[in-house]
Amino acid sequence: MKFNVIVADKSHTMHAEFICKMMEEAAKKRGTGISKREPDYIKEKMVEGKAVIAFYEEFIIGFCYIESWDDEKFVANSGLVVHPDYRKTGVARLIKIRTFELSKKMFPKAQLFGITTSQAVMKINSDLGYKPATFSELTKSDVFWKGCQGCENHDILERTNRTMCLCTGMICDLSKSTGQEKEKQLAWERFKQFIKWRKGKKTNTLNKIKNEKKQSSTSL
């Protein structure tokens, strides 16, 4: 299969609703939640040239966009989605690489970061030079964290004062990273160790939250 992965523009705004539907369906299938986005927001990113769209022939099969905070000191590649019929074809990696390149071009001195529950995304990010990060290392912007309100797991984030949720944090210094990191396998092994450590902490925290909810409901 030959995919066409390009920077989106005004001519692609007609596809915004379909893209939002893809995002919603992907979130339901994973059952882990995703920050909901409206078509108008997706259109805005396209017009600004801050989005990447993937086609197979004339059919849309993937999408991702760029957001920035704290006077463009922090940047994120958000909303990565691939049509279910084209998963495990390598198109997600192509979209991530193209969005990474666009981010580096537009924000060469920024800290590129992300939060995700997808191990496939974590692997791609690790290959691009991302390193594991705690939430305290990410943007403090309320605007960014407000975007998590559309996620079904937002309650966990609030109860932990934004220190953790089911997502894993990652960060990459765009002024230093080329997107073609050496020793990729070693970097990924280190990333997996971090994920394992974080999973243990998350399990303890989630159990604590469940107990608090149980005690609260019992006292009512």
N, C-alpha and C. Protein backbone atom coordinates (compact mmCIF):
# COMPACT_ATOMS: atom_id res chain seq x y z
N MET A 1 0.83 -1.20 0.00
CA MET A 1 0.00 0.00 0.00
C MET A 1 0.86 1.25 0.00
N LYS A 2 0.45 2.23 -0.77
CA LYS A 2 1.15 3.50 -0.80
C LYS A 2 0.25 4.57 -0.21
N PHE A 3 0.74 5.17 0.89
CA PHE A 3 -0.04 6.19 1.59
C PHE A 3 0.47 7.58 1.26
N ASN A 4 -0.44 8.53 1.24
CA ASN A 4 -0.08 9.92 1.00
C ASN A 4 -0.27 10.68 2.31
N VAL A 5 0.83 11.01 2.98
CA VAL A 5 0.80 11.69 4.28
C VAL A 5 1.28 13.12 4.08
N ILE A 6 0.38 14.08 4.25
CA ILE A 6 0.69 15.47 3.94
C ILE A 6 0.24 16.43 5.04
N VAL A 7 0.73 17.66 4.97
CA VAL A 7 0.27 18.71 5.88
C VAL A 7 -1.12 19.15 5.42
N ALA A 8 -2.07 19.14 6.34
CA ALA A 8 -3.45 19.52 6.00
C ALA A 8 -3.57 21.03 5.79
N ASP A 9 -4.56 21.43 5.02
CA ASP A 9 -4.82 22.86 4.81
C ASP A 9 -6.33 23.09 4.69
N LYS A 10 -6.70 24.28 4.27
CA LYS A 10 -8.11 24.68 4.21
C LYS A 10 -8.94 23.74 3.33
N SER A 11 -8.32 23.18 2.32
CA SER A 11 -9.06 22.31 1.39
C SER A 11 -9.52 21.01 2.03
N HIS A 12 -8.97 20.70 3.22
CA HIS A 12 -9.31 19.44 3.88
C HIS A 12 -10.36 19.59 4.98
N THR A 13 -10.83 20.83 5.22
CA THR A 13 -11.76 21.06 6.33
C THR A 13 -13.07 20.29 6.18
N MET A 14 -13.44 19.92 4.97
CA MET A 14 -14.67 19.17 4.74
C MET A 14 -14.63 17.80 5.42
N HIS A 15 -13.42 17.34 5.78
CA HIS A 15 -13.27 16.02 6.38
C HIS A 15 -13.26 16.05 7.91
N ALA A 16 -13.42 17.23 8.51
CA ALA A 16 -13.29 17.37 9.96
C ALA A 16 -14.27 16.49 10.75
N GLU A 17 -15.52 16.44 10.31
CA GLU A 17 -16.51 15.65 11.04
C GLU A 17 -16.18 14.17 10.99
N PHE A 18 -15.73 13.70 9.85
CA PHE A 18 -15.36 12.29 9.72
C PHE A 18 -14.18 11.96 10.63
N ILE A 19 -13.22 12.86 10.71
CA ILE A 19 -12.05 12.66 11.57
C ILE A 19 -12.47 12.60 13.03
N CYS A 20 -13.37 13.49 13.44
CA CYS A 20 -13.86 13.48 14.82
C CYS A 20 -14.58 12.17 15.14
N LYS A 21 -15.31 11.66 14.16
CA LYS A 21 -16.02 10.39 14.35
C LYS A 21 -15.02 9.25 14.50
N MET A 22 -13.95 9.27 13.72
CA MET A 22 -12.90 8.26 13.85
C MET A 22 -12.29 8.28 15.24
N MET A 23 -12.02 9.50 15.75
CA MET A 23 -11.45 9.65 17.09
C MET A 23 -12.38 9.09 18.16
N GLU A 24 -13.66 9.39 18.02
CA GLU A 24 -14.65 8.93 19.00
C GLU A 24 -14.77 7.41 19.00
N GLU A 25 -14.81 6.82 17.82
CA GLU A 25 -14.91 5.37 17.70
C GLU A 25 -13.66 4.68 18.24
N ALA A 26 -12.50 5.28 17.99
CA ALA A 26 -11.24 4.71 18.49
C ALA A 26 -11.22 4.71 20.01
N ALA A 27 -11.72 5.79 20.61
CA ALA A 27 -11.75 5.90 22.07
C ALA A 27 -12.68 4.85 22.67
N LYS A 28 -13.82 4.63 22.04
CA LYS A 28 -14.78 3.64 22.53
C LYS A 28 -14.19 2.24 22.46
N LYS A 29 -13.48 1.96 21.38
CA LYS A 29 -12.91 0.62 21.19
C LYS A 29 -11.82 0.34 22.21
N ARG A 30 -10.97 1.35 22.49
CA ARG A 30 -9.89 1.17 23.46
C ARG A 30 -10.43 1.12 24.88
N GLY A 31 -11.51 1.85 25.12
CA GLY A 31 -12.09 1.88 26.45
C GLY A 31 -11.24 2.60 27.47
N THR A 32 -10.27 3.39 27.01
CA THR A 32 -9.38 4.09 27.94
C THR A 32 -9.60 5.58 27.91
N GLY A 33 -10.47 6.05 27.05
CA GLY A 33 -10.78 7.48 27.01
C GLY A 33 -9.84 8.27 26.13
N ILE A 34 -10.35 9.36 25.58
CA ILE A 34 -9.53 10.27 24.78
C ILE A 34 -10.19 11.64 24.86
N SER A 35 -9.38 12.65 24.87
CA SER A 35 -9.92 14.00 24.93
C SER A 35 -10.74 14.28 23.66
N LYS A 36 -12.02 14.62 23.84
CA LYS A 36 -12.90 14.83 22.69
C LYS A 36 -12.61 16.16 22.01
N ARG A 37 -12.66 16.17 20.69
CA ARG A 37 -12.45 17.39 19.91
C ARG A 37 -13.64 17.62 18.98
N GLU A 38 -14.00 18.88 18.81
CA GLU A 38 -15.10 19.24 17.94
C GLU A 38 -14.59 19.53 16.52
N PRO A 39 -15.44 19.35 15.50
CA PRO A 39 -15.05 19.60 14.10
C PRO A 39 -14.45 20.99 13.87
N ASP A 40 -15.01 22.00 14.51
CA ASP A 40 -14.50 23.37 14.31
C ASP A 40 -13.05 23.50 14.77
N TYR A 41 -12.70 22.78 15.83
CA TYR A 41 -11.32 22.83 16.33
C TYR A 41 -10.37 22.17 15.34
N ILE A 42 -10.80 21.04 14.79
CA ILE A 42 -10.00 20.32 13.80
C ILE A 42 -9.82 21.19 12.55
N LYS A 43 -10.88 21.86 12.14
CA LYS A 43 -10.81 22.75 10.98
C LYS A 43 -9.80 23.87 11.22
N GLU A 44 -9.81 24.41 12.42
CA GLU A 44 -8.89 25.49 12.78
C GLU A 44 -7.44 25.05 12.63
N LYS A 45 -7.15 23.84 13.08
CA LYS A 45 -5.78 23.32 12.98
C LYS A 45 -5.37 23.13 11.52
N MET A 46 -6.30 22.71 10.70
CA MET A 46 -6.01 22.53 9.28
C MET A 46 -5.69 23.86 8.62
N VAL A 47 -6.51 24.86 8.89
CA VAL A 47 -6.32 26.19 8.30
C VAL A 47 -4.98 26.79 8.74
N GLU A 48 -4.58 26.53 9.98
CA GLU A 48 -3.33 27.05 10.51
C GLU A 48 -2.10 26.29 10.00
N GLY A 49 -2.34 25.18 9.30
CA GLY A 49 -1.22 24.36 8.82
C GLY A 49 -0.56 23.58 9.93
N LYS A 50 -1.33 23.30 10.99
CA LYS A 50 -0.81 22.58 12.15
C LYS A 50 -1.41 21.18 12.27
N ALA A 51 -1.62 20.54 11.15
CA ALA A 51 -2.19 19.20 11.15
C ALA A 51 -1.63 18.38 10.00
N VAL A 52 -1.63 17.07 10.21
CA VAL A 52 -1.16 16.13 9.18
C VAL A 52 -2.28 15.15 8.90
N ILE A 53 -2.54 14.90 7.64
CA ILE A 53 -3.63 14.01 7.24
C ILE A 53 -3.08 12.94 6.30
N ALA A 54 -3.60 11.73 6.44
CA ALA A 54 -3.13 10.60 5.62
C ALA A 54 -4.25 10.06 4.75
N PHE A 55 -3.90 9.78 3.50
CA PHE A 55 -4.87 9.24 2.55
C PHE A 55 -4.36 7.92 1.97
N TYR A 56 -5.30 7.04 1.65
CA TYR A 56 -5.02 5.90 0.79
C TYR A 56 -5.94 6.10 -0.40
N GLU A 57 -5.34 6.40 -1.54
CA GLU A 57 -6.09 6.84 -2.72
C GLU A 57 -6.88 8.10 -2.32
N GLU A 58 -8.21 8.08 -2.35
CA GLU A 58 -8.99 9.27 -1.98
C GLU A 58 -9.61 9.15 -0.59
N PHE A 59 -9.26 8.09 0.11
CA PHE A 59 -9.90 7.80 1.39
C PHE A 59 -9.03 8.25 2.56
N ILE A 60 -9.62 8.97 3.52
CA ILE A 60 -8.88 9.43 4.70
C ILE A 60 -8.66 8.26 5.65
N ILE A 61 -7.42 8.02 6.03
CA ILE A 61 -7.13 6.89 6.91
C ILE A 61 -6.41 7.29 8.19
N GLY A 62 -6.03 8.56 8.33
CA GLY A 62 -5.35 8.96 9.56
C GLY A 62 -5.20 10.46 9.70
N PHE A 63 -4.91 10.87 10.94
CA PHE A 63 -4.84 12.30 11.22
C PHE A 63 -4.08 12.55 12.52
N CYS A 64 -3.49 13.75 12.62
CA CYS A 64 -2.81 14.19 13.84
C CYS A 64 -2.65 15.70 13.75
N TYR A 65 -2.63 16.39 14.88
CA TYR A 65 -2.48 17.85 14.84
C TYR A 65 -1.53 18.33 15.92
N ILE A 66 -1.13 19.60 15.82
CA ILE A 66 -0.15 20.20 16.73
C ILE A 66 -0.82 21.26 17.60
N GLU A 67 -0.48 21.24 18.89
CA GLU A 67 -0.94 22.27 19.82
C GLU A 67 0.28 22.85 20.54
N SER A 68 0.17 24.08 21.02
CA SER A 68 1.28 24.70 21.75
C SER A 68 0.77 25.46 22.97
N TRP A 69 1.63 25.55 23.99
CA TRP A 69 1.28 26.22 25.24
C TRP A 69 2.49 26.96 25.81
N ASP A 70 2.23 27.78 26.82
CA ASP A 70 3.29 28.51 27.53
C ASP A 70 4.19 29.27 26.58
N ASP A 71 3.58 30.14 25.74
CA ASP A 71 4.34 30.93 24.78
C ASP A 71 5.19 30.05 23.86
N GLU A 72 4.60 28.93 23.44
CA GLU A 72 5.21 27.99 22.49
C GLU A 72 6.44 27.28 23.04
N LYS A 73 6.57 27.26 24.37
CA LYS A 73 7.68 26.52 24.98
C LYS A 73 7.38 25.02 24.99
N PHE A 74 6.10 24.69 25.05
CA PHE A 74 5.67 23.30 25.03
C PHE A 74 4.76 23.06 23.83
N VAL A 75 5.01 21.95 23.14
CA VAL A 75 4.24 21.58 21.95
C VAL A 75 3.84 20.11 22.06
N ALA A 76 2.67 19.78 21.55
CA ALA A 76 2.23 18.39 21.56
C ALA A 76 1.65 17.99 20.22
N ASN A 77 1.88 16.74 19.83
CA ASN A 77 1.26 16.15 18.66
C ASN A 77 0.06 15.37 19.16
N SER A 78 -1.12 15.89 18.95
CA SER A 78 -2.33 15.36 19.59
C SER A 78 -3.29 14.70 18.60
N GLY A 79 -4.21 13.92 19.18
CA GLY A 79 -5.31 13.37 18.41
C GLY A 79 -4.93 12.37 17.33
N LEU A 80 -3.81 11.68 17.50
CA LEU A 80 -3.42 10.69 16.48
C LEU A 80 -4.50 9.62 16.36
N VAL A 81 -4.97 9.43 15.14
CA VAL A 81 -5.98 8.41 14.90
C VAL A 81 -5.74 7.77 13.54
N VAL A 82 -5.98 6.47 13.47
CA VAL A 82 -5.85 5.71 12.22
C VAL A 82 -7.13 4.91 12.03
N HIS A 83 -7.65 4.92 10.83
CA HIS A 83 -8.86 4.15 10.53
C HIS A 83 -8.60 2.67 10.85
N PRO A 84 -9.56 1.99 11.50
CA PRO A 84 -9.35 0.59 11.91
C PRO A 84 -8.94 -0.36 10.79
N ASP A 85 -9.36 -0.08 9.56
CA ASP A 85 -9.00 -0.96 8.44
C ASP A 85 -7.53 -0.82 8.03
N TYR A 86 -6.86 0.22 8.55
CA TYR A 86 -5.48 0.47 8.13
C TYR A 86 -4.49 0.47 9.29
N ARG A 87 -4.91 -0.11 10.41
CA ARG A 87 -3.99 -0.23 11.53
C ARG A 87 -3.02 -1.38 11.27
N LYS A 88 -1.85 -1.27 11.86
CA LYS A 88 -0.77 -2.25 11.69
C LYS A 88 -0.26 -2.29 10.25
N THR A 89 -0.39 -1.18 9.55
CA THR A 89 0.14 -1.07 8.18
C THR A 89 1.36 -0.16 8.13
N GLY A 90 1.66 0.49 9.27
CA GLY A 90 2.79 1.42 9.31
C GLY A 90 2.39 2.86 9.09
N VAL A 91 1.11 3.11 8.83
CA VAL A 91 0.68 4.48 8.55
C VAL A 91 0.75 5.36 9.79
N ALA A 92 0.53 4.79 10.97
CA ALA A 92 0.63 5.58 12.21
C ALA A 92 2.03 6.14 12.38
N ARG A 93 3.02 5.31 12.09
CA ARG A 93 4.42 5.76 12.20
C ARG A 93 4.70 6.88 11.19
N LEU A 94 4.19 6.75 9.98
CA LEU A 94 4.39 7.78 8.96
C LEU A 94 3.77 9.11 9.38
N ILE A 95 2.58 9.03 9.97
CA ILE A 95 1.90 10.24 10.45
C ILE A 95 2.69 10.88 11.58
N LYS A 96 3.16 10.06 12.52
CA LYS A 96 3.92 10.58 13.66
C LYS A 96 5.22 11.24 13.19
N ILE A 97 5.90 10.61 12.25
CA ILE A 97 7.16 11.16 11.74
C ILE A 97 6.91 12.49 11.04
N ARG A 98 5.86 12.54 10.21
CA ARG A 98 5.55 13.78 9.48
C ARG A 98 5.15 14.89 10.45
N THR A 99 4.39 14.55 11.47
CA THR A 99 3.97 15.56 12.46
C THR A 99 5.16 16.02 13.30
N PHE A 100 6.07 15.10 13.59
CA PHE A 100 7.29 15.45 14.32
C PHE A 100 8.11 16.45 13.50
N GLU A 101 8.27 16.16 12.22
CA GLU A 101 9.04 17.05 11.34
C GLU A 101 8.40 18.44 11.26
N LEU A 102 7.07 18.46 11.17
CA LEU A 102 6.35 19.73 11.10
C LEU A 102 6.51 20.52 12.41
N SER A 103 6.46 19.81 13.52
CA SER A 103 6.63 20.45 14.83
C SER A 103 8.01 21.06 14.96
N LYS A 104 9.02 20.32 14.51
CA LYS A 104 10.40 20.81 14.60
C LYS A 104 10.61 22.03 13.71
N LYS A 105 9.92 22.05 12.57
CA LYS A 105 10.03 23.18 11.65
C LYS A 105 9.34 24.42 12.22
N MET A 106 8.18 24.24 12.83
CA MET A 106 7.40 25.36 13.33
C MET A 106 7.84 25.84 14.71
N PHE A 107 8.32 24.89 15.53
CA PHE A 107 8.71 25.21 16.91
C PHE A 107 10.07 24.58 17.24
N PRO A 108 11.14 25.03 16.59
CA PRO A 108 12.46 24.40 16.72
C PRO A 108 13.08 24.39 18.12
N LYS A 109 12.61 25.25 19.01
CA LYS A 109 13.20 25.32 20.35
C LYS A 109 12.25 24.80 21.44
N ALA A 110 11.15 24.24 21.03
CA ALA A 110 10.13 23.81 21.99
C ALA A 110 10.43 22.43 22.59
N GLN A 111 9.74 22.16 23.69
CA GLN A 111 9.73 20.83 24.29
C GLN A 111 8.49 20.12 23.76
N LEU A 112 8.71 19.08 22.97
CA LEU A 112 7.60 18.32 22.40
C LEU A 112 7.21 17.23 23.39
N PHE A 113 5.95 17.18 23.78
CA PHE A 113 5.55 16.20 24.79
C PHE A 113 4.23 15.54 24.41
N GLY A 114 3.90 14.50 25.12
CA GLY A 114 2.65 13.82 24.87
C GLY A 114 2.25 12.95 26.04
N ILE A 115 0.97 12.63 26.13
CA ILE A 115 0.48 11.66 27.10
C ILE A 115 -0.40 10.68 26.33
N THR A 116 -0.25 9.41 26.59
CA THR A 116 -0.99 8.40 25.84
C THR A 116 -1.11 7.11 26.64
N THR A 117 -2.09 6.29 26.28
CA THR A 117 -2.22 4.96 26.85
C THR A 117 -1.78 3.90 25.84
N SER A 118 -1.48 4.33 24.62
CA SER A 118 -1.14 3.39 23.54
C SER A 118 0.34 3.02 23.55
N GLN A 119 0.62 1.74 23.71
CA GLN A 119 2.01 1.30 23.71
C GLN A 119 2.63 1.44 22.32
N ALA A 120 1.81 1.31 21.28
CA ALA A 120 2.32 1.49 19.92
C ALA A 120 2.81 2.92 19.72
N VAL A 121 2.05 3.89 20.24
CA VAL A 121 2.46 5.30 20.15
C VAL A 121 3.72 5.53 20.97
N MET A 122 3.80 4.92 22.14
CA MET A 122 4.99 5.05 22.99
C MET A 122 6.23 4.55 22.26
N LYS A 123 6.08 3.44 21.53
CA LYS A 123 7.22 2.87 20.81
C LYS A 123 7.68 3.82 19.71
N ILE A 124 6.74 4.36 18.95
CA ILE A 124 7.09 5.31 17.89
C ILE A 124 7.76 6.54 18.49
N ASN A 125 7.18 7.07 19.57
CA ASN A 125 7.75 8.25 20.22
C ASN A 125 9.16 8.00 20.71
N SER A 126 9.37 6.82 21.28
CA SER A 126 10.70 6.46 21.76
C SER A 126 11.71 6.47 20.62
N ASP A 127 11.31 5.93 19.47
CA ASP A 127 12.20 5.91 18.30
C ASP A 127 12.53 7.32 17.81
N LEU A 128 11.60 8.25 18.01
CA LEU A 128 11.80 9.63 17.56
C LEU A 128 12.64 10.45 18.53
N GLY A 129 12.88 9.90 19.71
CA GLY A 129 13.71 10.62 20.68
C GLY A 129 13.02 11.07 21.94
N TYR A 130 11.74 10.75 22.07
CA TYR A 130 11.03 11.08 23.31
C TYR A 130 11.62 10.28 24.47
N LYS A 131 11.56 10.84 25.65
CA LYS A 131 11.97 10.15 26.87
C LYS A 131 10.80 10.16 27.84
N PRO A 132 10.73 9.16 28.73
CA PRO A 132 9.62 9.14 29.69
C PRO A 132 9.68 10.36 30.60
N ALA A 133 8.52 10.84 31.01
CA ALA A 133 8.46 12.03 31.86
C ALA A 133 7.28 11.95 32.82
N THR A 134 7.48 12.51 34.00
CA THR A 134 6.37 12.62 34.94
C THR A 134 5.51 13.80 34.52
N PHE A 135 4.29 13.85 34.97
CA PHE A 135 3.40 14.94 34.58
C PHE A 135 3.91 16.29 35.06
N SER A 136 4.70 16.30 36.13
CA SER A 136 5.23 17.57 36.66
C SER A 136 6.22 18.21 35.70
N GLU A 137 6.77 17.41 34.75
CA GLU A 137 7.73 17.93 33.78
C GLU A 137 7.04 18.53 32.55
N LEU A 138 5.75 18.33 32.45
CA LEU A 138 5.00 18.79 31.29
C LEU A 138 4.43 20.19 31.53
N THR A 139 3.74 20.71 30.54
CA THR A 139 3.17 22.05 30.67
C THR A 139 2.23 22.17 31.87
N LYS A 140 2.23 23.34 32.47
CA LYS A 140 1.33 23.60 33.60
C LYS A 140 0.05 24.29 33.11
N SER A 141 -0.06 24.48 31.82
CA SER A 141 -1.19 25.21 31.24
C SER A 141 -2.53 24.55 31.58
N ASP A 142 -3.42 25.33 32.17
CA ASP A 142 -4.76 24.83 32.48
C ASP A 142 -5.52 24.50 31.20
N VAL A 143 -5.19 25.21 30.13
CA VAL A 143 -5.85 24.97 28.84
C VAL A 143 -5.58 23.55 28.36
N PHE A 144 -4.31 23.12 28.48
CA PHE A 144 -3.97 21.75 28.07
C PHE A 144 -4.72 20.73 28.91
N TRP A 145 -4.62 20.86 30.23
CA TRP A 145 -5.22 19.87 31.11
C TRP A 145 -6.74 19.90 31.05
N LYS A 146 -7.30 21.05 30.70
CA LYS A 146 -8.75 21.14 30.53
C LYS A 146 -9.21 20.23 29.40
N GLY A 147 -8.32 20.04 28.42
CA GLY A 147 -8.65 19.17 27.30
C GLY A 147 -8.89 17.73 27.71
N CYS A 148 -8.41 17.37 28.90
CA CYS A 148 -8.59 16.00 29.39
C CYS A 148 -9.98 15.78 29.98
N GLN A 149 -10.75 16.85 30.11
CA GLN A 149 -12.08 16.72 30.71
C GLN A 149 -13.01 15.85 29.88
N GLY A 150 -12.72 15.72 28.59
CA GLY A 150 -13.55 14.88 27.74
C GLY A 150 -13.20 13.41 27.85
N CYS A 151 -12.19 13.08 28.65
CA CYS A 151 -11.76 11.68 28.82
C CYS A 151 -12.53 11.05 29.98
N GLU A 152 -12.92 9.79 29.82
CA GLU A 152 -13.69 9.11 30.86
C GLU A 152 -12.87 8.84 32.12
N ASN A 153 -11.55 9.00 32.02
CA ASN A 153 -10.69 8.79 33.18
C ASN A 153 -10.25 10.10 33.84
N HIS A 154 -10.92 11.19 33.50
CA HIS A 154 -10.53 12.50 34.04
C HIS A 154 -10.59 12.54 35.56
N ASP A 155 -11.49 11.78 36.14
CA ASP A 155 -11.63 11.75 37.60
C ASP A 155 -10.32 11.35 38.28
N ILE A 156 -9.61 10.41 37.68
CA ILE A 156 -8.34 9.94 38.25
C ILE A 156 -7.32 11.07 38.24
N LEU A 157 -7.25 11.80 37.14
CA LEU A 157 -6.32 12.92 37.02
C LEU A 157 -6.59 13.97 38.09
N GLU A 158 -7.86 14.27 38.32
CA GLU A 158 -8.23 15.28 39.31
C GLU A 158 -7.92 14.81 40.72
N ARG A 159 -8.21 13.56 41.01
CA ARG A 159 -8.00 13.03 42.35
C ARG A 159 -6.52 12.95 42.72
N THR A 160 -5.66 12.88 41.71
CA THR A 160 -4.22 12.81 41.97
C THR A 160 -3.54 14.16 41.78
N ASN A 161 -4.35 15.23 41.66
CA ASN A 161 -3.81 16.59 41.47
C ASN A 161 -2.87 16.68 40.26
N ARG A 162 -3.30 16.03 39.17
CA ARG A 162 -2.55 16.05 37.90
C ARG A 162 -1.16 15.41 38.00
N THR A 163 -0.97 14.51 38.94
CA THR A 163 0.33 13.85 39.03
C THR A 163 0.37 12.56 38.22
N MET A 164 -0.80 11.97 37.95
CA MET A 164 -0.84 10.76 37.13
C MET A 164 -2.27 10.40 36.75
N CYS A 165 -2.38 9.60 35.71
CA CYS A 165 -3.66 8.99 35.33
C CYS A 165 -3.31 7.70 34.61
N LEU A 166 -4.14 7.21 33.73
CA LEU A 166 -3.80 5.98 33.00
C LEU A 166 -2.79 6.25 31.89
N CYS A 167 -2.65 7.51 31.50
CA CYS A 167 -1.69 7.88 30.45
C CYS A 167 -0.25 7.89 30.96
N THR A 168 0.68 7.71 30.05
CA THR A 168 2.11 7.84 30.34
C THR A 168 2.62 9.11 29.67
N GLY A 169 3.44 9.88 30.38
CA GLY A 169 3.99 11.12 29.84
C GLY A 169 5.31 10.90 29.13
N MET A 170 5.55 11.68 28.06
CA MET A 170 6.79 11.61 27.28
C MET A 170 7.20 13.01 26.88
N ILE A 171 8.50 13.24 26.70
CA ILE A 171 8.95 14.57 26.31
C ILE A 171 10.20 14.48 25.43
N CYS A 172 10.37 15.46 24.54
CA CYS A 172 11.50 15.48 23.61
C CYS A 172 11.92 16.93 23.37
N ASP A 173 13.20 17.21 23.52
CA ASP A 173 13.74 18.55 23.27
C ASP A 173 13.99 18.69 21.77
N LEU A 174 13.16 19.46 21.09
CA LEU A 174 13.26 19.60 19.63
C LEU A 174 14.55 20.28 19.19
N SER A 175 15.17 21.04 20.07
CA SER A 175 16.42 21.72 19.70
C SER A 175 17.59 20.75 19.65
N LYS A 176 17.40 19.56 20.22
CA LYS A 176 18.48 18.57 20.26
C LYS A 176 18.19 17.31 19.47
N SER A 177 16.92 16.97 19.35
CA SER A 177 16.55 15.72 18.69
C SER A 177 16.42 15.89 17.18
N THR A 178 16.85 14.86 16.45
CA THR A 178 16.75 14.88 14.99
C THR A 178 15.56 14.07 14.49
N GLY A 179 15.00 13.25 15.39
CA GLY A 179 13.92 12.36 14.98
C GLY A 179 14.45 11.05 14.43
N GLN A 180 15.77 10.93 14.35
CA GLN A 180 16.42 9.71 13.87
C GLN A 180 17.43 9.26 14.92
N GLU A 181 16.92 8.88 16.08
CA GLU A 181 17.79 8.54 17.21
C GLU A 181 18.54 7.22 16.98
N LYS A 182 19.75 7.16 17.52
CA LYS A 182 20.53 5.93 17.48
C LYS A 182 20.13 5.07 18.69
N GLU A 183 20.54 3.80 18.66
CA GLU A 183 20.27 2.87 19.76
C GLU A 183 18.78 2.87 20.12
N LYS A 184 17.93 2.77 19.12
CA LYS A 184 16.49 2.82 19.34
C LYS A 184 16.01 1.70 20.26
N GLN A 185 16.55 0.49 20.07
CA GLN A 185 16.10 -0.64 20.87
C GLN A 185 16.43 -0.43 22.33
N LEU A 186 17.63 0.09 22.61
CA LEU A 186 18.03 0.35 23.99
C LEU A 186 17.12 1.41 24.61
N ALA A 187 16.81 2.45 23.84
CA ALA A 187 15.93 3.51 24.34
C ALA A 187 14.55 2.95 24.66
N TRP A 188 14.05 2.04 23.80
CA TRP A 188 12.73 1.46 24.03
C TRP A 188 12.73 0.56 25.26
N GLU A 189 13.81 -0.19 25.46
CA GLU A 189 13.90 -1.05 26.64
C GLU A 189 13.86 -0.22 27.91
N ARG A 190 14.55 0.92 27.90
CA ARG A 190 14.52 1.82 29.05
C ARG A 190 13.12 2.38 29.26
N PHE A 191 12.47 2.68 28.14
CA PHE A 191 11.11 3.23 28.21
C PHE A 191 10.17 2.20 28.84
N LYS A 192 10.31 0.95 28.45
CA LYS A 192 9.44 -0.10 28.98
C LYS A 192 9.66 -0.30 30.47
N GLN A 193 10.90 -0.14 30.93
CA GLN A 193 11.18 -0.24 32.36
C GLN A 193 10.46 0.87 33.12
N PHE A 194 10.46 2.06 32.51
CA PHE A 194 9.76 3.19 33.14
C PHE A 194 8.26 2.91 33.19
N ILE A 195 7.72 2.39 32.10
CA ILE A 195 6.29 2.08 32.04
C ILE A 195 5.92 1.06 33.13
N LYS A 196 6.78 0.06 33.31
CA LYS A 196 6.54 -0.97 34.32
C LYS A 196 6.53 -0.35 35.72
N TRP A 197 7.48 0.54 35.96
CA TRP A 197 7.56 1.21 37.27
C TRP A 197 6.33 2.07 37.51
N ARG A 198 5.93 2.82 36.46
CA ARG A 198 4.77 3.69 36.58
C ARG A 198 3.48 2.88 36.77
N LYS A 199 3.42 1.73 36.15
CA LYS A 199 2.23 0.89 36.27
C LYS A 199 2.02 0.47 37.71
N GLY A 200 3.13 0.16 38.39
CA GLY A 200 3.05 -0.22 39.80
C GLY A 200 2.51 0.92 40.64
N LYS A 201 3.00 2.14 40.38
CA LYS A 201 2.54 3.31 41.13
C LYS A 201 1.07 3.61 40.82
N LYS A 202 0.71 3.47 39.55
CA LYS A 202 -0.67 3.74 39.15
C LYS A 202 -1.63 2.75 39.80
N THR A 203 -1.23 1.48 39.86
CA THR A 203 -2.08 0.45 40.46
C THR A 203 -2.36 0.78 41.91
N ASN A 204 -1.31 1.18 42.64
CA ASN A 204 -1.49 1.55 44.04
C ASN A 204 -2.41 2.75 44.19
N THR A 205 -2.22 3.74 43.31
CA THR A 205 -3.05 4.95 43.37
C THR A 205 -4.50 4.65 43.03
N LEU A 206 -4.72 3.84 41.98
CA LEU A 206 -6.08 3.50 41.58
C LEU A 206 -6.80 2.70 42.66
N ASN A 207 -6.08 1.80 43.32
CA ASN A 207 -6.67 1.03 44.42
C ASN A 207 -7.08 1.96 45.56
N LYS A 208 -6.25 2.96 45.81
CA LYS A 208 -6.55 3.93 46.87
C LYS A 208 -7.81 4.72 46.52
N ILE A 209 -7.91 5.13 45.24
CA ILE A 209 -9.08 5.88 44.80
C ILE A 209 -10.35 5.03 44.90
N LYS A 210 -10.25 3.76 44.50
CA LYS A 210 -11.40 2.86 44.58
C LYS A 210 -11.87 2.70 46.02
N ASN A 211 -10.90 2.57 46.94
CA ASN A 211 -11.25 2.41 48.35
C ASN A 211 -11.92 3.67 48.90
N GLU A 212 -11.42 4.84 48.45
CA GLU A 212 -12.02 6.11 48.89
C GLU A 212 -13.46 6.22 48.40
N LYS A 213 -13.69 5.82 47.14
CA LYS A 213 -15.04 5.86 46.58
C LYS A 213 -15.96 4.90 47.33
N LYS A 214 -15.42 3.72 47.65
CA LYS A 214 -16.21 2.71 48.34
C LYS A 214 -16.61 3.19 49.73
N GLN A 215 -15.65 3.78 50.43
CA GLN A 215 -15.92 4.30 51.77
C GLN A 215 -16.92 5.45 51.72
N SER A 216 -16.79 6.28 50.67
CA SER A 216 -17.69 7.42 50.52
C SER A 216 -19.13 6.97 50.28
N SER A 217 -19.30 5.96 49.41
CA SER A 217 -20.64 5.46 49.10
C SER A 217 -21.25 4.73 50.29
N THR A 218 -20.40 4.09 51.11
CA THR A 218 -20.87 3.36 52.28
C THR A 218 -21.40 4.30 53.35
N SER A 219 -20.75 5.47 53.44
CA SER A 219 -21.12 6.43 54.47
C SER A 219 -22.39 7.21 54.13
N LEU A 220 -22.82 7.13 52.85
CA LEU A 220 -24.03 7.87 52.44
C LEU A 220 -25.31 7.16 52.89
